[in-house]
Amino acid sequence: MAIFYKITHEEANFRPDPGRARSTTRYFPILKKSLAKDLPDRFQTAYDFAIVRWWEWLASSYATASAATCSKQIVEMEAPTSPPQP
């Protein structure tokens, strides 16, 4: 019962891994949003979660701002609403 109480009433306690503090602390905002107690504060869809992870990867992978901007524009394109015609 104590575990269920903590899950529903207490905020998660994130502590950096001493051996990898620099690489793990950057994920804390994503984890906090994923585990938020109030539904509106959480990611609403798996797509929303994936986009945040994509932007993080994008920012760390591209050396130039223009490459990151091009990739951002591709990701922000609207998904098709119907299957392609043969």
PDB file of N, CA and C in Angstrom:
ATOM      1  N   MET A   1       0.821  -1.193   0.000  1.00  0.00           N
ATOM      2  CA  MET A   1       0.000   0.000   0.000  1.00  0.00           C
ATOM      3  C   MET A   1       0.865   1.255   0.000  1.00  0.00           C
ATOM      4  N   ALA A   2       2.009   1.191   0.657  1.00  0.00           N
ATOM      5  CA  ALA A   2       2.893   2.359   0.712  1.00  0.00           C
ATOM      6  C   ALA A   2       3.393   2.729  -0.685  1.00  0.00           C
ATOM      7  N   ILE A   3       3.686   1.731  -1.490  1.00  0.00           N
ATOM      8  CA  ILE A   3       4.154   1.997  -2.851  1.00  0.00           C
ATOM      9  C   ILE A   3       3.047   2.653  -3.675  1.00  0.00           C
ATOM     10  N   PHE A   4       1.827   2.136  -3.569  1.00  0.00           N
ATOM     11  CA  PHE A   4       0.712   2.733  -4.300  1.00  0.00           C
ATOM     12  C   PHE A   4       0.468   4.172  -3.858  1.00  0.00           C
ATOM     13  N   TYR A   5       0.609   4.438  -2.589  1.00  0.00           N
ATOM     14  CA  TYR A   5       0.446   5.794  -2.087  1.00  0.00           C
ATOM     15  C   TYR A   5       1.483   6.713  -2.707  1.00  0.00           C
ATOM     16  N   LYS A   6       2.740   6.273  -2.720  1.00  0.00           N
ATOM     17  CA  LYS A   6       3.807   7.096  -3.288  1.00  0.00           C
ATOM     18  C   LYS A   6       3.577   7.354  -4.779  1.00  0.00           C
ATOM     19  N   ILE A   7       3.135   6.339  -5.494  1.00  0.00           N
ATOM     20  CA  ILE A   7       2.892   6.495  -6.928  1.00  0.00           C
ATOM     21  C   ILE A   7       1.831   7.560  -7.177  1.00  0.00           C
ATOM     22  N   THR A   8       0.776   7.548  -6.386  1.00  0.00           N
ATOM     23  CA  THR A   8      -0.337   8.455  -6.639  1.00  0.00           C
ATOM     24  C   THR A   8      -0.205   9.828  -5.985  1.00  0.00           C
ATOM     25  N   HIS A   9       0.619   9.957  -4.944  1.00  0.00           N
ATOM     26  CA  HIS A   9       0.655  11.216  -4.204  1.00  0.00           C
ATOM     27  C   HIS A   9       2.003  11.921  -4.152  1.00  0.00           C
ATOM     28  N   GLU A  10       3.082  11.247  -4.391  1.00  0.00           N
ATOM     29  CA  GLU A  10       4.397  11.874  -4.261  1.00  0.00           C
ATOM     30  C   GLU A  10       5.073  12.006  -5.619  1.00  0.00           C
ATOM     31  N   GLU A  11       5.854  13.069  -5.755  1.00  0.00           N
ATOM     32  CA  GLU A  11       6.612  13.281  -6.989  1.00  0.00           C
ATOM     33  C   GLU A  11       7.809  12.339  -6.998  1.00  0.00           C
ATOM     34  N   ALA A  12       8.177  11.909  -8.206  1.00  0.00           N
ATOM     35  CA  ALA A  12       9.344  11.031  -8.347  1.00  0.00           C
ATOM     36  C   ALA A  12      10.599  11.800  -7.955  1.00  0.00           C
ATOM     37  N   ASN A  13      11.512  11.113  -7.299  1.00  0.00           N
ATOM     38  CA  ASN A  13      12.762  11.717  -6.857  1.00  0.00           C
ATOM     39  C   ASN A  13      13.864  11.302  -7.833  1.00  0.00           C
ATOM     40  N   PHE A  14      14.282  12.235  -8.675  1.00  0.00           N
ATOM     41  CA  PHE A  14      15.320  11.941  -9.649  1.00  0.00           C
ATOM     42  C   PHE A  14      16.676  12.340  -9.086  1.00  0.00           C
ATOM     43  N   ARG A  15      17.570  11.382  -9.063  1.00  0.00           N
ATOM     44  CA  ARG A  15      18.932  11.652  -8.628  1.00  0.00           C
ATOM     45  C   ARG A  15      19.878  11.222  -9.734  1.00  0.00           C
ATOM     46  N   PRO A  16      20.836  12.069 -10.072  1.00  0.00           N
ATOM     47  CA  PRO A  16      21.754  11.699 -11.151  1.00  0.00           C
ATOM     48  C   PRO A  16      22.616  10.502 -10.782  1.00  0.00           C
ATOM     49  N   ASP A  17      22.890   9.693 -11.764  1.00  0.00           N
ATOM     50  CA  ASP A  17      23.804   8.566 -11.601  1.00  0.00           C
ATOM     51  C   ASP A  17      25.212   9.155 -11.496  1.00  0.00           C
ATOM     52  N   PRO A  18      25.922   8.898 -10.380  1.00  0.00           N
ATOM     53  CA  PRO A  18      27.234   9.524 -10.197  1.00  0.00           C
ATOM     54  C   PRO A  18      28.214   9.270 -11.347  1.00  0.00           C
ATOM     55  N   GLY A  19      28.137   8.118 -11.956  1.00  0.00           N
ATOM     56  CA  GLY A  19      29.065   7.811 -13.042  1.00  0.00           C
ATOM     57  C   GLY A  19      28.677   8.441 -14.361  1.00  0.00           C
ATOM     58  N   ARG A  20      27.391   8.785 -14.504  1.00  0.00           N
ATOM     59  CA  ARG A  20      26.918   9.336 -15.776  1.00  0.00           C
ATOM     60  C   ARG A  20      26.018  10.546 -15.553  1.00  0.00           C
ATOM     61  N   ALA A  21      26.361  11.380 -14.606  1.00  0.00           N
ATOM     62  CA  ALA A  21      25.508  12.519 -14.261  1.00  0.00           C
ATOM     63  C   ALA A  21      25.245  13.430 -15.452  1.00  0.00           C
ATOM     64  N   ARG A  22      26.251  13.675 -16.243  1.00  0.00           N
ATOM     65  CA  ARG A  22      26.090  14.597 -17.364  1.00  0.00           C
ATOM     66  C   ARG A  22      25.138  14.038 -18.418  1.00  0.00           C
ATOM     67  N   SER A  23      25.208  12.745 -18.671  1.00  0.00           N
ATOM     68  CA  SER A  23      24.375  12.162 -19.728  1.00  0.00           C
ATOM     69  C   SER A  23      22.959  11.826 -19.260  1.00  0.00           C
ATOM     70  N   THR A  24      22.752  11.650 -17.977  1.00  0.00           N
ATOM     71  CA  THR A  24      21.417  11.272 -17.514  1.00  0.00           C
ATOM     72  C   THR A  24      20.558  12.456 -17.089  1.00  0.00           C
ATOM     73  N   THR A  25      21.144  13.520 -16.595  1.00  0.00           N
ATOM     74  CA  THR A  25      20.344  14.651 -16.106  1.00  0.00           C
ATOM     75  C   THR A  25      19.593  15.342 -17.229  1.00  0.00           C
ATOM     76  N   ARG A  26      20.048  15.239 -18.450  1.00  0.00           N
ATOM     77  CA  ARG A  26      19.330  15.886 -19.551  1.00  0.00           C
ATOM     78  C   ARG A  26      17.976  15.212 -19.808  1.00  0.00           C
ATOM     79  N   TYR A  27      17.787  14.000 -19.316  1.00  0.00           N
ATOM     80  CA  TYR A  27      16.518  13.289 -19.493  1.00  0.00           C
ATOM     81  C   TYR A  27      15.517  13.599 -18.388  1.00  0.00           C
ATOM     82  N   PHE A  28      15.923  14.265 -17.329  1.00  0.00           N
ATOM     83  CA  PHE A  28      15.037  14.523 -16.202  1.00  0.00           C
ATOM     84  C   PHE A  28      13.778  15.298 -16.596  1.00  0.00           C
ATOM     85  N   PRO A  29      13.863  16.358 -17.409  1.00  0.00           N
ATOM     86  CA  PRO A  29      12.621  17.056 -17.785  1.00  0.00           C
ATOM     87  C   PRO A  29      11.643  16.140 -18.528  1.00  0.00           C
ATOM     88  N   ILE A  30      12.158  15.258 -19.370  1.00  0.00           N
ATOM     89  CA  ILE A  30      11.297  14.329 -20.104  1.00  0.00           C
ATOM     90  C   ILE A  30      10.658  13.336 -19.141  1.00  0.00           C
ATOM     91  N   LEU A  31      11.446  12.814 -18.211  1.00  0.00           N
ATOM     92  CA  LEU A  31      10.913  11.880 -17.223  1.00  0.00           C
ATOM     93  C   LEU A  31       9.868  12.543 -16.337  1.00  0.00           C
ATOM     94  N   LYS A  32      10.158  13.770 -15.898  1.00  0.00           N
ATOM     95  CA  LYS A  32       9.205  14.468 -15.037  1.00  0.00           C
ATOM     96  C   LYS A  32       7.888  14.703 -15.754  1.00  0.00           C
ATOM     97  N   LYS A  33       7.954  15.070 -17.032  1.00  0.00           N
ATOM     98  CA  LYS A  33       6.725  15.284 -17.801  1.00  0.00           C
ATOM     99  C   LYS A  33       5.998  13.954 -18.006  1.00  0.00           C
ATOM    100  N   SER A  34       6.736  12.884 -18.217  1.00  0.00           N
ATOM    101  CA  SER A  34       6.128  11.569 -18.432  1.00  0.00           C
ATOM    102  C   SER A  34       5.441  11.043 -17.176  1.00  0.00           C
ATOM    103  N   LEU A  35       5.970  11.386 -16.027  1.00  0.00           N
ATOM    104  CA  LEU A  35       5.449  10.857 -14.770  1.00  0.00           C
ATOM    105  C   LEU A  35       4.624  11.869 -13.971  1.00  0.00           C
ATOM    106  N   ALA A  36       4.237  12.960 -14.595  1.00  0.00           N
ATOM    107  CA  ALA A  36       3.461  13.990 -13.895  1.00  0.00           C
ATOM    108  C   ALA A  36       2.174  13.401 -13.321  1.00  0.00           C
ATOM    109  N   LYS A  37       1.806  13.874 -12.164  1.00  0.00           N
ATOM    110  CA  LYS A  37       0.598  13.373 -11.502  1.00  0.00           C
ATOM    111  C   LYS A  37      -0.673  13.848 -12.206  1.00  0.00           C
ATOM    112  N   ASP A  38      -0.680  15.096 -12.672  1.00  0.00           N
ATOM    113  CA  ASP A  38      -1.863  15.641 -13.337  1.00  0.00           C
ATOM    114  C   ASP A  38      -1.822  15.308 -14.821  1.00  0.00           C
ATOM    115  N   LEU A  39      -2.906  14.770 -15.323  1.00  0.00           N
ATOM    116  CA  LEU A  39      -2.992  14.343 -16.719  1.00  0.00           C
ATOM    117  C   LEU A  39      -2.634  15.444 -17.720  1.00  0.00           C
ATOM    118  N   PRO A  40      -3.104  16.667 -17.563  1.00  0.00           N
ATOM    119  CA  PRO A  40      -2.751  17.710 -18.547  1.00  0.00           C
ATOM    120  C   PRO A  40      -1.254  18.033 -18.587  1.00  0.00           C
ATOM    121  N   ASP A  41      -0.538  17.709 -17.515  1.00  0.00           N
ATOM    122  CA  ASP A  41       0.895  17.986 -17.464  1.00  0.00           C
ATOM    123  C   ASP A  41       1.733  16.915 -18.151  1.00  0.00           C
ATOM    124  N   ARG A  42       1.132  15.774 -18.468  1.00  0.00           N
ATOM    125  CA  ARG A  42       1.859  14.670 -19.113  1.00  0.00           C
ATOM    126  C   ARG A  42       1.821  14.812 -20.631  1.00  0.00           C
ATOM    127  N   PHE A  43       2.658  14.014 -21.295  1.00  0.00           N
ATOM    128  CA  PHE A  43       2.564  13.897 -22.744  1.00  0.00           C
ATOM    129  C   PHE A  43       1.194  13.317 -23.041  1.00  0.00           C
ATOM    130  N   GLN A  44       0.499  13.884 -24.008  1.00  0.00           N
ATOM    131  CA  GLN A  44      -0.847  13.428 -24.309  1.00  0.00           C
ATOM    132  C   GLN A  44      -0.866  12.215 -25.239  1.00  0.00           C
ATOM    133  N   THR A  45       0.175  12.069 -26.044  1.00  0.00           N
ATOM    134  CA  THR A  45       0.247  10.938 -26.970  1.00  0.00           C
ATOM    135  C   THR A  45       1.680  10.429 -27.040  1.00  0.00           C
ATOM    136  N   ALA A  46       1.838   9.229 -27.567  1.00  0.00           N
ATOM    137  CA  ALA A  46       3.180   8.687 -27.790  1.00  0.00           C
ATOM    138  C   ALA A  46       3.914   9.529 -28.821  1.00  0.00           C
ATOM    139  N   TYR A  47       3.179  10.092 -29.758  1.00  0.00           N
ATOM    140  CA  TYR A  47       3.780  10.968 -30.765  1.00  0.00           C
ATOM    141  C   TYR A  47       4.422  12.186 -30.104  1.00  0.00           C
ATOM    142  N   ASP A  48       3.731  12.806 -29.154  1.00  0.00           N
ATOM    143  CA  ASP A  48       4.284  13.960 -28.441  1.00  0.00           C
ATOM    144  C   ASP A  48       5.588  13.586 -27.744  1.00  0.00           C
ATOM    145  N   PHE A  49       5.604  12.445 -27.115  1.00  0.00           N
ATOM    146  CA  PHE A  49       6.806  11.960 -26.438  1.00  0.00           C
ATOM    147  C   PHE A  49       7.932  11.734 -27.451  1.00  0.00           C
ATOM    148  N   ALA A  50       7.605  11.091 -28.564  1.00  0.00           N
ATOM    149  CA  ALA A  50       8.611  10.779 -29.577  1.00  0.00           C
ATOM    150  C   ALA A  50       9.209  12.046 -30.176  1.00  0.00           C
ATOM    151  N   ILE A  51       8.384  13.062 -30.379  1.00  0.00           N
ATOM    152  CA  ILE A  51       8.887  14.312 -30.954  1.00  0.00           C
ATOM    153  C   ILE A  51       9.897  14.966 -30.017  1.00  0.00           C
ATOM    154  N   VAL A  52       9.630  14.956 -28.728  1.00  0.00           N
ATOM    155  CA  VAL A  52      10.585  15.533 -27.772  1.00  0.00           C
ATOM    156  C   VAL A  52      11.917  14.794 -27.861  1.00  0.00           C
ATOM    157  N   ARG A  53      11.852  13.477 -27.921  1.00  0.00           N
ATOM    158  CA  ARG A  53      13.088  12.679 -28.035  1.00  0.00           C
ATOM    159  C   ARG A  53      13.781  12.970 -29.366  1.00  0.00           C
ATOM    160  N   TRP A  54      12.986  13.130 -30.435  1.00  0.00           N
ATOM    161  CA  TRP A  54      13.557  13.437 -31.740  1.00  0.00           C
ATOM    162  C   TRP A  54      14.296  14.770 -31.696  1.00  0.00           C
ATOM    163  N   TRP A  55      13.701  15.814 -31.100  1.00  0.00           N
ATOM    164  CA  TRP A  55      14.358  17.119 -31.050  1.00  0.00           C
ATOM    165  C   TRP A  55      15.645  17.043 -30.258  1.00  0.00           C
ATOM    166  N   GLU A  56      15.651  16.266 -29.202  1.00  0.00           N
ATOM    167  CA  GLU A  56      16.877  16.138 -28.412  1.00  0.00           C
ATOM    168  C   GLU A  56      17.979  15.494 -29.244  1.00  0.00           C
ATOM    169  N   TRP A  57      17.647  14.437 -29.958  1.00  0.00           N
ATOM    170  CA  TRP A  57      18.617  13.774 -30.812  1.00  0.00           C
ATOM    171  C   TRP A  57      19.068  14.713 -31.923  1.00  0.00           C
ATOM    172  N   LEU A  58      18.125  15.426 -32.491  1.00  0.00           N
ATOM    173  CA  LEU A  58      18.421  16.340 -33.580  1.00  0.00           C
ATOM    174  C   LEU A  58      19.404  17.412 -33.125  1.00  0.00           C
ATOM    175  N   ALA A  59      19.159  17.988 -31.965  1.00  0.00           N
ATOM    176  CA  ALA A  59      20.026  19.043 -31.457  1.00  0.00           C
ATOM    177  C   ALA A  59      21.442  18.545 -31.199  1.00  0.00           C
ATOM    178  N   SER A  60      21.568  17.301 -30.786  1.00  0.00           N
ATOM    179  CA  SER A  60      22.904  16.781 -30.482  1.00  0.00           C
ATOM    180  C   SER A  60      23.602  16.181 -31.696  1.00  0.00           C
ATOM    181  N   SER A  61      22.866  15.945 -32.783  1.00  0.00           N
ATOM    182  CA  SER A  61      23.439  15.265 -33.939  1.00  0.00           C
ATOM    183  C   SER A  61      23.916  16.185 -35.048  1.00  0.00           C
ATOM    184  N   TYR A  62      23.317  17.350 -35.162  1.00  0.00           N
ATOM    185  CA  TYR A  62      23.669  18.236 -36.265  1.00  0.00           C
ATOM    186  C   TYR A  62      24.585  19.349 -35.798  1.00  0.00           C
ATOM    187  N   ALA A  63      25.644  19.551 -36.545  1.00  0.00           N
ATOM    188  CA  ALA A  63      26.619  20.579 -36.194  1.00  0.00           C
ATOM    189  C   ALA A  63      26.169  21.969 -36.633  1.00  0.00           C
ATOM    190  N   THR A  64      25.353  22.057 -37.662  1.00  0.00           N
ATOM    191  CA  THR A  64      24.940  23.363 -38.154  1.00  0.00           C
ATOM    192  C   THR A  64      23.467  23.611 -37.880  1.00  0.00           C
ATOM    193  N   ALA A  65      23.159  24.859 -37.700  1.00  0.00           N
ATOM    194  CA  ALA A  65      21.773  25.236 -37.440  1.00  0.00           C
ATOM    195  C   ALA A  65      20.903  24.992 -38.667  1.00  0.00           C
ATOM    196  N   SER A  66      21.463  25.182 -39.853  1.00  0.00           N
ATOM    197  CA  SER A  66      20.651  25.003 -41.059  1.00  0.00           C
ATOM    198  C   SER A  66      20.239  23.547 -41.246  1.00  0.00           C
ATOM    199  N   ALA A  67      21.123  22.612 -40.926  1.00  0.00           N
ATOM    200  CA  ALA A  67      20.767  21.193 -41.029  1.00  0.00           C
ATOM    201  C   ALA A  67      19.665  20.850 -40.035  1.00  0.00           C
ATOM    202  N   ALA A  68      19.760  21.376 -38.837  1.00  0.00           N
ATOM    203  CA  ALA A  68      18.731  21.132 -37.830  1.00  0.00           C
ATOM    204  C   ALA A  68      17.407  21.753 -38.255  1.00  0.00           C
ATOM    205  N   THR A  69      17.449  22.943 -38.840  1.00  0.00           N
ATOM    206  CA  THR A  69      16.233  23.618 -39.294  1.00  0.00           C
ATOM    207  C   THR A  69      15.550  22.824 -40.398  1.00  0.00           C
ATOM    208  N   CYS A  70      16.321  22.309 -41.347  1.00  0.00           N
ATOM    209  CA  CYS A  70      15.746  21.498 -42.431  1.00  0.00           C
ATOM    210  C   CYS A  70      15.066  20.262 -41.872  1.00  0.00           C
ATOM    211  N   SER A  71      15.725  19.586 -40.951  1.00  0.00           N
ATOM    212  CA  SER A  71      15.134  18.390 -40.360  1.00  0.00           C
ATOM    213  C   SER A  71      13.888  18.733 -39.567  1.00  0.00           C
ATOM    214  N   LYS A  72      13.899  19.862 -38.879  1.00  0.00           N
ATOM    215  CA  LYS A  72      12.730  20.284 -38.110  1.00  0.00           C
ATOM    216  C   LYS A  72      11.540  20.508 -39.038  1.00  0.00           C
ATOM    217  N   GLN A  73      11.773  21.128 -40.174  1.00  0.00           N
ATOM    218  CA  GLN A  73      10.688  21.374 -41.118  1.00  0.00           C
ATOM    219  C   GLN A  73      10.117  20.067 -41.657  1.00  0.00           C
ATOM    220  N   ILE A  74      10.959  19.078 -41.861  1.00  0.00           N
ATOM    221  CA  ILE A  74      10.488  17.777 -42.335  1.00  0.00           C
ATOM    222  C   ILE A  74       9.585  17.131 -41.285  1.00  0.00           C
ATOM    223  N   VAL A  75      10.010  17.171 -40.042  1.00  0.00           N
ATOM    224  CA  VAL A  75       9.235  16.558 -38.966  1.00  0.00           C
ATOM    225  C   VAL A  75       7.903  17.258 -38.772  1.00  0.00           C
ATOM    226  N   GLU A  76       7.859  18.557 -38.953  1.00  0.00           N
ATOM    227  CA  GLU A  76       6.639  19.316 -38.719  1.00  0.00           C
ATOM    228  C   GLU A  76       5.635  19.213 -39.862  1.00  0.00           C
ATOM    229  N   MET A  77       5.965  18.513 -40.921  1.00  0.00           N
ATOM    230  CA  MET A  77       5.038  18.354 -42.033  1.00  0.00           C
ATOM    231  C   MET A  77       3.806  17.591 -41.565  1.00  0.00           C
ATOM    232  N   GLU A  78       2.697  17.927 -42.117  1.00  0.00           N
ATOM    233  CA  GLU A  78       1.441  17.257 -41.774  1.00  0.00           C
ATOM    234  C   GLU A  78       1.451  15.815 -42.273  1.00  0.00           C
ATOM    235  N   ALA A  79       0.927  14.917 -41.485  1.00  0.00           N
ATOM    236  CA  ALA A  79       0.805  13.528 -41.893  1.00  0.00           C
ATOM    237  C   ALA A  79      -0.319  13.408 -42.909  1.00  0.00           C
ATOM    238  N   PRO A  80      -0.189  12.506 -43.886  1.00  0.00           N
ATOM    239  CA  PRO A  80      -1.269  12.346 -44.848  1.00  0.00           C
ATOM    240  C   PRO A  80      -2.531  11.845 -44.161  1.00  0.00           C
ATOM    241  N   THR A  81      -3.676  12.297 -44.664  1.00  0.00           N
ATOM    242  CA  THR A  81      -4.952  11.899 -44.072  1.00  0.00           C
ATOM    243  C   THR A  81      -5.575  10.701 -44.747  1.00  0.00           C
ATOM    244  N   SER A  82      -5.015  10.315 -45.896  1.00  0.00           N
ATOM    245  CA  SER A  82      -5.512   9.131 -46.609  1.00  0.00           C
ATOM    246  C   SER A  82      -4.332   8.386 -47.223  1.00  0.00           C
ATOM    247  N   PRO A  83      -4.530   7.100 -47.519  1.00  0.00           N
ATOM    248  CA  PRO A  83      -3.429   6.345 -48.108  1.00  0.00           C
ATOM    249  C   PRO A  83      -3.105   6.862 -49.523  1.00  0.00           C
ATOM    250  N   PRO A  84      -1.866   6.696 -49.961  1.00  0.00           N
ATOM    251  CA  PRO A  84      -1.500   7.166 -51.290  1.00  0.00           C
ATOM    252  C   PRO A  84      -2.258   6.391 -52.366  1.00  0.00           C
ATOM    253  N   GLN A  85      -2.509   7.075 -53.441  1.00  0.00           N
ATOM    254  CA  GLN A  85      -3.195   6.443 -54.584  1.00  0.00           C
ATOM    255  C   GLN A  85      -2.196   5.604 -55.376  1.00  0.00           C
ATOM    256  N   PRO A  86      -2.623   4.430 -55.884  1.00  0.00           N
ATOM    257  CA  PRO A  86      -1.701   3.593 -56.663  1.00  0.00           C
ATOM    258  C   PRO A  86      -1.340   4.239 -57.993  1.00  0.00           C
TER     259      PRO A  86
END
